[in-house]
Amino acid sequence: MTKTKCGQCGYEFRSSAGRCCKCANRIATRDKYRSAVGKNPQSLECKRCGVTFSADRILQQCEPCSATAEKASRRRAKNRYKAKRERQLRELSTGDKITLQLVIQKDGSLCAMCGIDTSCYEQNDRHDATVDHVIPLSRGGMHSLDNVQLLCRMCNSLKADRVPLPPGLVLSDLE
């Protein structure tokens, strides 16, 4: 097979077809829409703001309204996650008010995993001090002072929702 230039975009490709796969997919999608609608791209009225816009695919909103709706949807999902997390903390709480300062008083300012001193790092730094649940809430752990430890942000991120391994056992032993 020889290299051929796409008649639509000019991209060189190896195929017996006259178009590259990107243009072929785009044209197939456009043709599918046109057969469903029965005409060429049409002017539609945005269901949200009433502006008339041209659409070459099935849309109900203009681009700015679609972007705004998508942002709002992401914001609602984030708020649902926060509410679920707060509800989970309330249900699993022993009544202790757990703060970072309280955990530092209990454990000192050393990360429980890597041993780095977290007191000399600024907030949101990769080695900034964070509160970690030894047995994660998602795995049935309680939100109590006995179940929290101080980890640097990087170690907390690496630990995620895993339960710590018993002393002397490494991950390669489990595989």
Protein backbone atom coordinates (compact mmCIF):
# COMPACT_ATOMS: atom_id res chain seq x y z
CA MET A 1 0.00 0.00 0.00
CA THR A 2 1.22 3.47 -0.78
CA LYS A 3 0.73 6.62 1.20
CA THR A 4 -2.29 8.63 0.17
CA LYS A 5 -3.26 12.18 1.06
CA CYS A 6 -6.69 12.64 2.63
CA GLY A 7 -9.01 14.57 0.32
CA GLN A 8 -10.57 16.33 3.34
CA CYS A 9 -7.70 17.31 5.66
CA GLY A 10 -4.50 16.56 3.68
CA TYR A 11 -3.18 14.05 6.25
CA GLU A 12 -0.97 11.32 4.72
CA PHE A 13 -2.09 7.78 5.55
CA ARG A 14 -1.84 4.19 4.32
CA SER A 15 -5.18 2.90 3.20
CA SER A 16 -7.14 2.02 0.13
CA ALA A 17 -9.93 4.41 1.15
CA GLY A 18 -9.99 8.00 -0.05
CA ARG A 19 -10.14 9.54 3.45
CA CYS A 20 -8.15 9.12 6.66
CA CYS A 21 -9.93 7.47 9.60
CA LYS A 22 -10.49 10.80 11.40
CA CYS A 23 -12.31 12.35 8.45
CA ALA A 24 -14.16 9.13 7.67
CA ASN A 25 -15.51 8.97 11.24
CA ARG A 26 -16.46 12.66 11.19
CA ILE A 27 -18.20 12.33 7.83
CA ALA A 28 -19.99 9.14 8.93
CA THR A 29 -21.25 10.93 12.05
CA ARG A 30 -22.39 13.92 9.96
CA ASP A 31 -24.13 11.65 7.44
CA LYS A 32 -25.83 9.73 10.24
CA TYR A 33 -27.11 13.02 11.70
CA ARG A 34 -28.28 14.27 8.31
CA SER A 35 -30.18 11.06 7.63
CA ALA A 36 -31.77 11.24 11.10
CA VAL A 37 -32.76 14.89 10.72
CA GLY A 38 -33.35 14.70 6.99
CA LYS A 39 -31.54 17.93 6.06
CA ASN A 40 -28.25 19.81 6.17
CA PRO A 41 -27.03 21.55 9.33
CA GLN A 42 -29.88 23.64 10.57
CA SER A 43 -30.58 26.66 12.71
CA LEU A 44 -31.92 25.74 16.11
CA GLU A 45 -33.11 27.76 19.04
CA CYS A 46 -31.30 27.19 22.34
CA LYS A 47 -33.69 25.66 24.88
CA ARG A 48 -31.99 27.62 27.65
CA CYS A 49 -31.32 31.16 26.41
CA GLY A 50 -33.35 31.34 23.18
CA VAL A 51 -30.40 32.28 20.91
CA THR A 52 -30.51 30.84 17.40
CA PHE A 53 -27.44 28.77 16.51
CA SER A 54 -26.29 26.51 13.70
CA ALA A 55 -25.85 22.85 14.59
CA ASP A 56 -24.27 20.05 12.57
CA ARG A 57 -25.17 17.51 15.26
CA ILE A 58 -28.14 16.98 17.54
CA LEU A 59 -27.97 19.68 20.22
CA GLN A 60 -30.53 21.35 22.40
CA GLN A 61 -28.34 24.19 23.68
CA CYS A 62 -25.85 26.61 22.18
CA GLU A 63 -22.14 26.10 23.03
CA PRO A 64 -21.98 28.68 25.89
CA CYS A 65 -25.09 27.23 27.56
CA SER A 66 -23.75 23.67 27.11
CA ALA A 67 -20.47 24.66 28.79
CA THR A 68 -22.34 26.37 31.64
CA ALA A 69 -24.59 23.34 32.13
CA GLU A 70 -21.57 21.03 32.17
CA LYS A 71 -19.83 23.17 34.83
CA ALA A 72 -23.00 23.17 36.92
CA SER A 73 -23.27 19.39 36.60
CA ARG A 74 -19.66 18.95 37.77
CA ARG A 75 -20.31 21.33 40.68
CA ARG A 76 -23.42 19.36 41.73
CA ALA A 77 -21.46 16.08 41.58
CA LYS A 78 -18.70 17.60 43.74
CA ASN A 79 -21.27 18.85 46.27
CA ARG A 80 -22.93 15.40 46.36
CA TYR A 81 -19.53 13.83 47.09
CA LYS A 82 -18.82 16.38 49.87
CA ALA A 83 -22.24 15.79 51.44
CA LYS A 84 -21.74 12.01 51.29
CA ARG A 85 -18.31 12.36 52.92
CA GLU A 86 -19.68 14.61 55.71
CA ARG A 87 -22.57 12.19 56.31
CA GLN A 88 -20.09 9.30 56.46
CA LEU A 89 -17.92 11.20 58.97
CA ARG A 90 -20.97 11.94 61.17
CA GLU A 91 -22.10 8.30 61.11
CA LEU A 92 -18.65 6.90 61.92
CA SER A 93 -17.62 9.56 64.40
CA THR A 94 -17.08 8.83 68.08
CA GLY A 95 -17.78 12.45 68.93
CA ASP A 96 -14.12 13.49 68.98
CA LYS A 97 -13.33 16.72 67.17
CA ILE A 98 -10.24 15.67 65.21
CA THR A 99 -8.00 18.45 63.96
CA LEU A 100 -4.54 18.45 62.45
CA GLN A 101 -3.16 20.16 65.57
CA LEU A 102 -4.62 17.42 67.78
CA VAL A 103 -3.01 14.70 65.63
CA ILE A 104 0.34 16.57 65.71
CA GLN A 105 0.12 16.69 69.52
CA LYS A 106 -0.62 12.95 69.60
CA ASP A 107 1.94 11.72 67.01
CA GLY A 108 4.43 14.56 66.64
CA SER A 109 5.15 16.20 63.30
CA LEU A 110 6.81 13.19 61.62
CA CYS A 111 5.07 11.38 58.77
CA ALA A 112 4.10 7.87 59.93
CA MET A 113 5.08 6.31 56.57
CA CYS A 114 8.24 8.06 55.34
CA GLY A 115 9.40 9.72 58.59
CA ILE A 116 9.85 13.19 57.09
CA ASP A 117 9.39 16.18 59.39
CA THR A 118 6.24 17.90 58.07
CA SER A 119 6.54 21.01 60.29
CA CYS A 120 8.88 22.83 57.89
CA TYR A 121 6.57 22.64 54.84
CA GLU A 122 3.91 25.15 53.81
CA GLN A 123 0.26 24.32 53.30
CA ASN A 124 -0.52 22.42 50.04
CA ASP A 125 3.14 21.45 49.60
CA ARG A 126 3.70 17.79 48.67
CA HIS A 127 5.12 17.09 52.16
CA ASP A 128 2.52 19.17 54.03
CA ALA A 129 0.98 17.42 57.07
CA THR A 130 -2.41 15.71 56.58
CA VAL A 131 -4.70 13.63 58.77
CA ASP A 132 -5.05 10.02 57.56
CA HIS A 133 -7.38 7.28 58.77
CA VAL A 134 -5.31 4.14 59.50
CA ILE A 135 -8.28 1.96 58.59
CA PRO A 136 -10.07 4.05 55.93
CA LEU A 137 -13.68 5.10 56.47
CA SER A 138 -14.54 3.36 53.19
CA ARG A 139 -13.22 0.08 54.69
CA GLY A 140 -15.20 0.36 57.92
CA GLY A 141 -12.75 2.40 60.01
CA MET A 142 -14.00 4.82 62.67
CA HIS A 143 -13.48 8.58 62.73
CA SER A 144 -11.73 8.56 66.11
CA LEU A 145 -8.41 9.73 67.51
CA ASP A 146 -7.27 6.09 67.80
CA ASN A 147 -7.75 5.55 64.04
CA VAL A 148 -5.95 8.64 62.71
CA GLN A 149 -2.30 9.30 62.05
CA LEU A 150 -0.19 12.08 60.57
CA LEU A 151 1.01 11.53 56.99
CA CYS A 152 2.61 13.91 54.53
CA ARG A 153 0.39 14.76 51.56
CA MET A 154 2.38 12.54 49.17
CA CYS A 155 2.23 9.45 51.43
CA ASN A 156 -1.48 10.02 52.09
CA SER A 157 -2.06 10.16 48.34
CA LEU A 158 -0.07 6.96 47.80
CA LYS A 159 -1.84 5.12 50.64
CA ALA A 160 -5.26 6.14 49.28
CA ASP A 161 -7.96 3.87 50.82
CA ARG A 162 -5.68 0.91 51.48
CA VAL A 163 -5.38 -0.75 54.86
CA PRO A 164 -1.75 -0.79 56.06
CA LEU A 165 0.20 -4.03 55.86
CA PRO A 166 1.28 -5.82 59.04
CA PRO A 167 4.92 -5.18 60.07
CA GLY A 168 7.43 -7.29 58.11
CA LEU A 169 5.05 -7.93 55.18
CA VAL A 170 5.74 -6.23 51.83
CA LEU A 171 3.53 -5.90 48.76
CA SER A 172 5.61 -8.42 46.76
CA ASP A 173 4.70 -11.11 49.36
CA LEU A 174 1.01 -10.69 48.53
CA GLU A 175 1.37 -11.11 44.76
